[in-house]
């Protein structure tokens, strides 16, 4: 029962996130003014390739990779204990 509730809550949060992104896109498109910036991370094995349209986006992607590595290290260390 508890696991089912957590799954439903997770799916609900994902749905809300998609709706917020969709509404944000509609609002920026209707204003007529659009400033689009993008970035991403491609993981090839343990090597991340980070790219972005400007320095701020690229730094955000590097921060995301660092947080991901810290999370993985934390999970691995918690399983040893």
PDB file of N, CA and C in Angstrom:
ATOM      1  N   UNK A   1       0.825  -1.201   0.000  1.00  0.00           N
ATOM      2  CA  UNK A   1       0.000   0.000   0.000  1.00  0.00           C
ATOM      3  C   UNK A   1       0.865   1.259   0.000  1.00  0.00           C
ATOM      4  N   UNK A   2       1.897   1.280   0.845  1.00  0.00           N
ATOM      5  CA  UNK A   2       2.749   2.454   0.934  1.00  0.00           C
ATOM      6  C   UNK A   2       3.532   2.657  -0.362  1.00  0.00           C
ATOM      7  N   UNK A   3       4.012   1.554  -0.953  1.00  0.00           N
ATOM      8  CA  UNK A   3       4.748   1.639  -2.210  1.00  0.00           C
ATOM      9  C   UNK A   3       3.879   2.164  -3.341  1.00  0.00           C
ATOM     10  N   UNK A   4       2.626   1.718  -3.380  1.00  0.00           N
ATOM     11  CA  UNK A   4       1.703   2.186  -4.419  1.00  0.00           C
ATOM     12  C   UNK A   4       1.454   3.685  -4.291  1.00  0.00           C
ATOM     13  N   UNK A   5       1.335   4.156  -3.065  1.00  0.00           N
ATOM     14  CA  UNK A   5       1.118   5.583  -2.830  1.00  0.00           C
ATOM     15  C   UNK A   5       2.320   6.399  -3.293  1.00  0.00           C
ATOM     16  N   UNK A   6       3.523   5.911  -3.011  1.00  0.00           N
ATOM     17  CA  UNK A   6       4.726   6.624  -3.442  1.00  0.00           C
ATOM     18  C   UNK A   6       4.827   6.666  -4.966  1.00  0.00           C
ATOM     19  N   UNK A   7       4.462   5.573  -5.625  1.00  0.00           N
ATOM     20  CA  UNK A   7       4.491   5.549  -7.086  1.00  0.00           C
ATOM     21  C   UNK A   7       3.494   6.555  -7.644  1.00  0.00           C
ATOM     22  N   UNK A   8       2.299   6.591  -7.103  1.00  0.00           N
ATOM     23  CA  UNK A   8       1.292   7.547  -7.573  1.00  0.00           C
ATOM     24  C   UNK A   8       1.724   8.992  -7.323  1.00  0.00           C
ATOM     25  N   UNK A   9       2.344   9.239  -6.171  1.00  0.00           N
ATOM     26  CA  UNK A   9       2.822  10.592  -5.885  1.00  0.00           C
ATOM     27  C   UNK A   9       3.937  10.986  -6.853  1.00  0.00           C
ATOM     28  N   UNK A  10       4.834  10.058  -7.153  1.00  0.00           N
ATOM     29  CA  UNK A  10       5.904  10.335  -8.106  1.00  0.00           C
ATOM     30  C   UNK A  10       5.361  10.635  -9.490  1.00  0.00           C
ATOM     31  N   UNK A  11       4.402   9.840  -9.926  1.00  0.00           N
ATOM     32  CA  UNK A  11       3.798  10.082 -11.243  1.00  0.00           C
ATOM     33  C   UNK A  11       3.072  11.425 -11.269  1.00  0.00           C
ATOM     34  N   UNK A  12       2.438  11.763 -10.162  1.00  0.00           N
ATOM     35  CA  UNK A  12       1.759  13.053 -10.075  1.00  0.00           C
ATOM     36  C   UNK A  12       2.740  14.216 -10.159  1.00  0.00           C
ATOM     37  N   UNK A  13       3.882  14.096  -9.489  1.00  0.00           N
ATOM     38  CA  UNK A  13       4.893  15.159  -9.547  1.00  0.00           C
ATOM     39  C   UNK A  13       5.466  15.305 -10.949  1.00  0.00           C
ATOM     40  N   UNK A  14       5.672  14.184 -11.625  1.00  0.00           N
ATOM     41  CA  UNK A  14       6.164  14.247 -13.007  1.00  0.00           C
ATOM     42  C   UNK A  14       5.142  14.930 -13.893  1.00  0.00           C
ATOM     43  N   UNK A  15       3.880  14.593 -13.728  1.00  0.00           N
ATOM     44  CA  UNK A  15       2.814  15.218 -14.522  1.00  0.00           C
ATOM     45  C   UNK A  15       2.756  16.721 -14.259  1.00  0.00           C
ATOM     46  N   UNK A  16       2.837  17.116 -13.002  1.00  0.00           N
ATOM     47  CA  UNK A  16       2.819  18.550 -12.659  1.00  0.00           C
ATOM     48  C   UNK A  16       4.012  19.254 -13.288  1.00  0.00           C
ATOM     49  N   UNK A  17       5.180  18.618 -13.271  1.00  0.00           N
ATOM     50  CA  UNK A  17       6.365  19.208 -13.898  1.00  0.00           C
ATOM     51  C   UNK A  17       6.179  19.424 -15.388  1.00  0.00           C
ATOM     52  N   UNK A  18       5.621  18.418 -16.074  1.00  0.00           N
ATOM     53  CA  UNK A  18       5.356  18.564 -17.509  1.00  0.00           C
ATOM     54  C   UNK A  18       4.377  19.708 -17.769  1.00  0.00           C
ATOM     55  N   UNK A  19       3.355  19.807 -16.935  1.00  0.00           N
ATOM     56  CA  UNK A  19       2.356  20.866 -17.130  1.00  0.00           C
ATOM     57  C   UNK A  19       2.981  22.246 -16.900  1.00  0.00           C
ATOM     58  N   UNK A  20       3.847  22.381 -15.911  1.00  0.00           N
ATOM     59  CA  UNK A  20       4.511  23.666 -15.666  1.00  0.00           C
ATOM     60  C   UNK A  20       5.408  24.062 -16.835  1.00  0.00           C
ATOM     61  N   UNK A  21       6.132  23.105 -17.382  1.00  0.00           N
ATOM     62  CA  UNK A  21       6.970  23.397 -18.546  1.00  0.00           C
ATOM     63  C   UNK A  21       6.108  23.792 -19.732  1.00  0.00           C
ATOM     64  N   UNK A  22       5.015  23.082 -19.946  1.00  0.00           N
ATOM     65  CA  UNK A  22       4.112  23.390 -21.057  1.00  0.00           C
ATOM     66  C   UNK A  22       3.508  24.789 -20.901  1.00  0.00           C
ATOM     67  N   UNK A  23       3.049  25.111 -19.695  1.00  0.00           N
ATOM     68  CA  UNK A  23       2.463  26.440 -19.464  1.00  0.00           C
ATOM     69  C   UNK A  23       3.505  27.544 -19.608  1.00  0.00           C
ATOM     70  N   UNK A  24       4.716  27.300 -19.150  1.00  0.00           N
ATOM     71  CA  UNK A  24       5.786  28.283 -19.311  1.00  0.00           C
ATOM     72  C   UNK A  24       6.104  28.529 -20.778  1.00  0.00           C
ATOM     73  N   UNK A  25       6.087  27.465 -21.567  1.00  0.00           N
ATOM     74  CA  UNK A  25       6.332  27.601 -23.001  1.00  0.00           C
ATOM     75  C   UNK A  25       5.234  28.412 -23.654  1.00  0.00           C
ATOM     76  N   UNK A  26       3.992  28.132 -23.302  1.00  0.00           N
ATOM     77  CA  UNK A  26       2.877  28.891 -23.870  1.00  0.00           C
ATOM     78  C   UNK A  26       2.939  30.363 -23.473  1.00  0.00           C
ATOM     79  N   UNK A  27       3.280  30.634 -22.225  1.00  0.00           N
ATOM     80  CA  UNK A  27       3.334  32.023 -21.763  1.00  0.00           C
ATOM     81  C   UNK A  27       4.449  32.797 -22.456  1.00  0.00           C
ATOM     82  N   UNK A  28       5.601  32.172 -22.655  1.00  0.00           N
ATOM     83  CA  UNK A  28       6.691  32.877 -23.322  1.00  0.00           C
ATOM     84  C   UNK A  28       6.416  33.046 -24.815  1.00  0.00           C
ATOM     85  N   UNK A  29       5.708  32.110 -25.415  1.00  0.00           N
ATOM     86  CA  UNK A  29       5.374  32.216 -26.834  1.00  0.00           C
ATOM     87  C   UNK A  29       4.326  33.305 -27.058  1.00  0.00           C
ATOM     88  N   UNK A  30       3.401  33.463 -26.124  1.00  0.00           N
ATOM     89  CA  UNK A  30       2.349  34.459 -26.307  1.00  0.00           C
ATOM     90  C   UNK A  30       2.857  35.879 -26.065  1.00  0.00           C
ATOM     91  N   UNK A  31       3.941  36.031 -25.319  1.00  0.00           N
ATOM     92  CA  UNK A  31       4.467  37.370 -25.053  1.00  0.00           C
ATOM     93  C   UNK A  31       5.207  37.927 -26.266  1.00  0.00           C
ATOM     94  N   UNK A  32       5.569  37.080 -27.198  1.00  0.00           N
ATOM     95  CA  UNK A  32       6.252  37.530 -28.403  1.00  0.00           C
ATOM     96  C   UNK A  32       7.739  37.711 -28.222  1.00  0.00           C
ATOM     97  N   UNK A  33       8.208  37.637 -27.012  1.00  0.00           N
ATOM     98  CA  UNK A  33       9.622  37.807 -26.722  1.00  0.00           C
ATOM     99  C   UNK A  33      10.173  36.467 -26.243  1.00  0.00           C
ATOM    100  N   UNK A  34      11.127  35.930 -26.955  1.00  0.00           N
ATOM    101  CA  UNK A  34      11.655  34.622 -26.574  1.00  0.00           C
ATOM    102  C   UNK A  34      13.178  34.678 -26.523  1.00  0.00           C
ATOM    103  N   UNK A  35      13.721  34.265 -25.408  1.00  0.00           N
ATOM    104  CA  UNK A  35      15.158  34.165 -25.229  1.00  0.00           C
ATOM    105  C   UNK A  35      15.455  32.709 -24.878  1.00  0.00           C
ATOM    106  N   UNK A  36      15.852  31.946 -25.849  1.00  0.00           N
ATOM    107  CA  UNK A  36      16.019  30.510 -25.669  1.00  0.00           C
ATOM    108  C   UNK A  36      17.480  30.184 -25.392  1.00  0.00           C
ATOM    109  N   UNK A  37      17.707  29.451 -24.322  1.00  0.00           N
ATOM    110  CA  UNK A  37      19.033  28.967 -23.985  1.00  0.00           C
ATOM    111  C   UNK A  37      18.903  27.483 -23.710  1.00  0.00           C
ATOM    112  N   UNK A  38      19.900  26.730 -24.107  1.00  0.00           N
ATOM    113  CA  UNK A  38      19.815  25.290 -23.888  1.00  0.00           C
ATOM    114  C   UNK A  38      21.174  24.733 -23.525  1.00  0.00           C
ATOM    115  N   UNK A  39      21.138  23.535 -23.009  1.00  0.00           N
ATOM    116  CA  UNK A  39      22.367  22.843 -22.654  1.00  0.00           C
ATOM    117  C   UNK A  39      22.059  21.397 -22.375  1.00  0.00           C
ATOM    118  N   UNK A  40      23.096  20.615 -22.224  1.00  0.00           N
ATOM    119  CA  UNK A  40      22.879  19.208 -21.960  1.00  0.00           C
ATOM    120  C   UNK A  40      24.146  18.501 -21.571  1.00  0.00           C
ATOM    121  N   UNK A  41      23.960  17.262 -21.171  1.00  0.00           N
ATOM    122  CA  UNK A  41      25.070  16.413 -20.779  1.00  0.00           C
ATOM    123  C   UNK A  41      24.882  15.074 -21.479  1.00  0.00           C
ATOM    124  N   UNK A  42      25.919  14.623 -22.154  1.00  0.00           N
ATOM    125  CA  UNK A  42      25.917  13.302 -22.766  1.00  0.00           C
ATOM    126  C   UNK A  42      26.928  12.469 -22.002  1.00  0.00           C
ATOM    127  N   UNK A  43      26.464  11.351 -21.467  1.00  0.00           N
ATOM    128  CA  UNK A  43      27.352  10.470 -20.707  1.00  0.00           C
ATOM    129  C   UNK A  43      27.788   9.318 -21.608  1.00  0.00           C
ATOM    130  N   UNK A  44      29.075   9.223 -21.862  1.00  0.00           N
ATOM    131  CA  UNK A  44      29.640   8.096 -22.603  1.00  0.00           C
ATOM    132  C   UNK A  44      30.488   7.327 -21.596  1.00  0.00           C
ATOM    133  N   UNK A  45      29.873   6.289 -21.041  1.00  0.00           N
ATOM    134  CA  UNK A  45      30.519   5.565 -19.955  1.00  0.00           C
ATOM    135  C   UNK A  45      30.663   6.494 -18.764  1.00  0.00           C
ATOM    136  N   UNK A  46      31.833   6.595 -18.189  1.00  0.00           N
ATOM    137  CA  UNK A  46      32.018   7.488 -17.048  1.00  0.00           C
ATOM    138  C   UNK A  46      32.415   8.908 -17.455  1.00  0.00           C
ATOM    139  N   UNK A  47      32.486   9.190 -18.752  1.00  0.00           N
ATOM    140  CA  UNK A  47      32.971  10.482 -19.228  1.00  0.00           C
ATOM    141  C   UNK A  47      31.790  11.372 -19.634  1.00  0.00           C
ATOM    142  N   UNK A  48      31.584  12.495 -18.935  1.00  0.00           N
ATOM    143  CA  UNK A  48      30.510  13.402 -19.323  1.00  0.00           C
ATOM    144  C   UNK A  48      30.977  14.401 -20.392  1.00  0.00           C
ATOM    145  N   UNK A  49      30.129  14.645 -21.375  1.00  0.00           N
ATOM    146  CA  UNK A  49      30.377  15.685 -22.368  1.00  0.00           C
ATOM    147  C   UNK A  49      29.312  16.747 -22.127  1.00  0.00           C
ATOM    148  N   UNK A  50      29.743  17.931 -21.717  1.00  0.00           N
ATOM    149  CA  UNK A  50      28.841  19.011 -21.335  1.00  0.00           C
ATOM    150  C   UNK A  50      28.835  20.070 -22.429  1.00  0.00           C
ATOM    151  N   UNK A  51      27.628  20.535 -22.789  1.00  0.00           N
ATOM    152  CA  UNK A  51      27.528  21.595 -23.782  1.00  0.00           C
ATOM    153  C   UNK A  51      26.405  22.555 -23.395  1.00  0.00           C
ATOM    154  N   UNK A  52      26.499  23.771 -23.916  1.00  0.00           N
ATOM    155  CA  UNK A  52      25.474  24.774 -23.640  1.00  0.00           C
ATOM    156  C   UNK A  52      25.619  25.946 -24.576  1.00  0.00           C
ATOM    157  N   UNK A  53      24.556  26.759 -24.659  1.00  0.00           N
ATOM    158  CA  UNK A  53      24.564  27.898 -25.568  1.00  0.00           C
ATOM    159  C   UNK A  53      25.314  29.095 -24.999  1.00  0.00           C
ATOM    160  N   UNK A  54      25.462  29.151 -23.681  1.00  0.00           N
ATOM    161  CA  UNK A  54      26.258  30.223 -23.089  1.00  0.00           C
ATOM    162  C   UNK A  54      26.965  29.703 -21.846  1.00  0.00           C
ATOM    163  N   UNK A  55      27.776  30.520 -21.248  1.00  0.00           N
ATOM    164  CA  UNK A  55      28.611  30.089 -20.120  1.00  0.00           C
ATOM    165  C   UNK A  55      27.769  29.687 -18.913  1.00  0.00           C
ATOM    166  N   UNK A  56      26.704  30.392 -18.634  1.00  0.00           N
ATOM    167  CA  UNK A  56      25.862  30.084 -17.475  1.00  0.00           C
ATOM    168  C   UNK A  56      25.206  28.718 -17.583  1.00  0.00           C
ATOM    169  N   UNK A  57      24.706  28.395 -18.752  1.00  0.00           N
ATOM    170  CA  UNK A  57      24.067  27.097 -18.958  1.00  0.00           C
ATOM    171  C   UNK A  57      25.101  25.981 -18.839  1.00  0.00           C
ATOM    172  N   UNK A  58      26.277  26.200 -19.406  1.00  0.00           N
ATOM    173  CA  UNK A  58      27.333  25.190 -19.332  1.00  0.00           C
ATOM    174  C   UNK A  58      27.760  24.958 -17.885  1.00  0.00           C
ATOM    175  N   UNK A  59      27.880  26.020 -17.104  1.00  0.00           N
ATOM    176  CA  UNK A  59      28.232  25.866 -15.688  1.00  0.00           C
ATOM    177  C   UNK A  59      27.131  25.128 -14.926  1.00  0.00           C
ATOM    178  N   UNK A  60      25.884  25.379 -15.272  1.00  0.00           N
ATOM    179  CA  UNK A  60      24.777  24.657 -14.630  1.00  0.00           C
ATOM    180  C   UNK A  60      24.842  23.170 -14.947  1.00  0.00           C
ATOM    181  N   UNK A  61      25.201  22.831 -16.175  1.00  0.00           N
ATOM    182  CA  UNK A  61      25.312  21.418 -16.548  1.00  0.00           C
ATOM    183  C   UNK A  61      26.485  20.755 -15.822  1.00  0.00           C
ATOM    184  N   UNK A  62      27.590  21.477 -15.656  1.00  0.00           N
ATOM    185  CA  UNK A  62      28.733  20.932 -14.907  1.00  0.00           C
ATOM    186  C   UNK A  62      28.333  20.697 -13.455  1.00  0.00           C
ATOM    187  N   UNK A  63      27.582  21.620 -12.878  1.00  0.00           N
ATOM    188  CA  UNK A  63      27.085  21.448 -11.513  1.00  0.00           C
ATOM    189  C   UNK A  63      26.172  20.228 -11.430  1.00  0.00           C
ATOM    190  N   UNK A  64      25.331  20.023 -12.435  1.00  0.00           N
ATOM    191  CA  UNK A  64      24.451  18.856 -12.452  1.00  0.00           C
ATOM    192  C   UNK A  64      25.254  17.564 -12.475  1.00  0.00           C
ATOM    193  N   UNK A  65      26.316  17.521 -13.260  1.00  0.00           N
ATOM    194  CA  UNK A  65      27.168  16.326 -13.316  1.00  0.00           C
ATOM    195  C   UNK A  65      27.827  16.092 -11.959  1.00  0.00           C
ATOM    196  N   UNK A  66      28.325  17.142 -11.324  1.00  0.00           N
ATOM    197  CA  UNK A  66      28.965  16.996 -10.011  1.00  0.00           C
ATOM    198  C   UNK A  66      27.974  16.485  -8.962  1.00  0.00           C
ATOM    199  N   UNK A  67      26.758  17.015  -8.987  1.00  0.00           N
ATOM    200  CA  UNK A  67      25.746  16.545  -8.044  1.00  0.00           C
ATOM    201  C   UNK A  67      25.383  15.086  -8.304  1.00  0.00           C
ATOM    202  N   UNK A  68      25.336  14.689  -9.568  1.00  0.00           N
ATOM    203  CA  UNK A  68      25.043  13.306  -9.911  1.00  0.00           C
ATOM    204  C   UNK A  68      26.138  12.386  -9.381  1.00  0.00           C
ATOM    205  N   UNK A  69      27.400  12.794  -9.549  1.00  0.00           N
ATOM    206  CA  UNK A  69      28.519  11.987  -9.048  1.00  0.00           C
ATOM    207  C   UNK A  69      28.469  11.888  -7.525  1.00  0.00           C
ATOM    208  N   UNK A  70      28.180  12.996  -6.847  1.00  0.00           N
ATOM    209  CA  UNK A  70      28.070  12.960  -5.384  1.00  0.00           C
ATOM    210  C   UNK A  70      26.948  12.041  -4.930  1.00  0.00           C
ATOM    211  N   UNK A  71      25.829  12.065  -5.641  1.00  0.00           N
ATOM    212  CA  UNK A  71      24.712  11.198  -5.291  1.00  0.00           C
ATOM    213  C   UNK A  71      25.095   9.729  -5.453  1.00  0.00           C
ATOM    214  N   UNK A  72      25.751   9.395  -6.563  1.00  0.00           N
ATOM    215  CA  UNK A  72      26.167   8.009  -6.800  1.00  0.00           C
ATOM    216  C   UNK A  72      27.145   7.552  -5.728  1.00  0.00           C
ATOM    217  N   UNK A  73      28.112   8.403  -5.376  1.00  0.00           N
ATOM    218  CA  UNK A  73      29.069   8.057  -4.315  1.00  0.00           C
ATOM    219  C   UNK A  73      28.333   7.845  -2.999  1.00  0.00           C
ATOM    220  N   UNK A  74      27.370   8.700  -2.701  1.00  0.00           N
ATOM    221  CA  UNK A  74      26.594   8.548  -1.467  1.00  0.00           C
ATOM    222  C   UNK A  74      25.816   7.248  -1.429  1.00  0.00           C
ATOM    223  N   UNK A  75      25.220   6.880  -2.541  1.00  0.00           N
ATOM    224  CA  UNK A  75      24.468   5.624  -2.597  1.00  0.00           C
ATOM    225  C   UNK A  75      25.407   4.439  -2.408  1.00  0.00           C
ATOM    226  N   UNK A  76      26.548   4.470  -3.078  1.00  0.00           N
ATOM    227  CA  UNK A  76      27.500   3.358  -2.946  1.00  0.00           C
ATOM    228  C   UNK A  76      28.038   3.247  -1.522  1.00  0.00           C
ATOM    229  N   UNK A  77      28.313   4.385  -0.895  1.00  0.00           N
ATOM    230  CA  UNK A  77      28.825   4.349   0.478  1.00  0.00           C
ATOM    231  C   UNK A  77      27.741   3.894   1.468  1.00  0.00           C
ATOM    232  N   UNK A  78      26.503   4.253   1.233  1.00  0.00           N
ATOM    233  CA  UNK A  78      25.436   3.841   2.150  1.00  0.00           C
ATOM    234  C   UNK A  78      25.155   2.345   2.051  1.00  0.00           C
ATOM    235  N   UNK A  79      25.431   1.728   0.934  1.00  0.00           N
ATOM    236  CA  UNK A  79      25.214   0.289   0.785  1.00  0.00           C
ATOM    237  C   UNK A  79      26.318  -0.508   1.483  1.00  0.00           C
ATOM    238  N   UNK A  80      27.479   0.093   1.678  1.00  0.00           N
ATOM    239  CA  UNK A  80      28.580  -0.601   2.358  1.00  0.00           C
ATOM    240  C   UNK A  80      28.337  -0.717   3.855  1.00  0.00           C
ATOM    241  N   UNK A  81      27.640   0.233   4.411  1.00  0.00           N
ATOM    242  CA  UNK A  81      27.450   0.278   5.874  1.00  0.00           C
ATOM    243  C   UNK A  81      26.484  -0.756   6.343  1.00  0.00           C
TER     244      UNK A  81
END
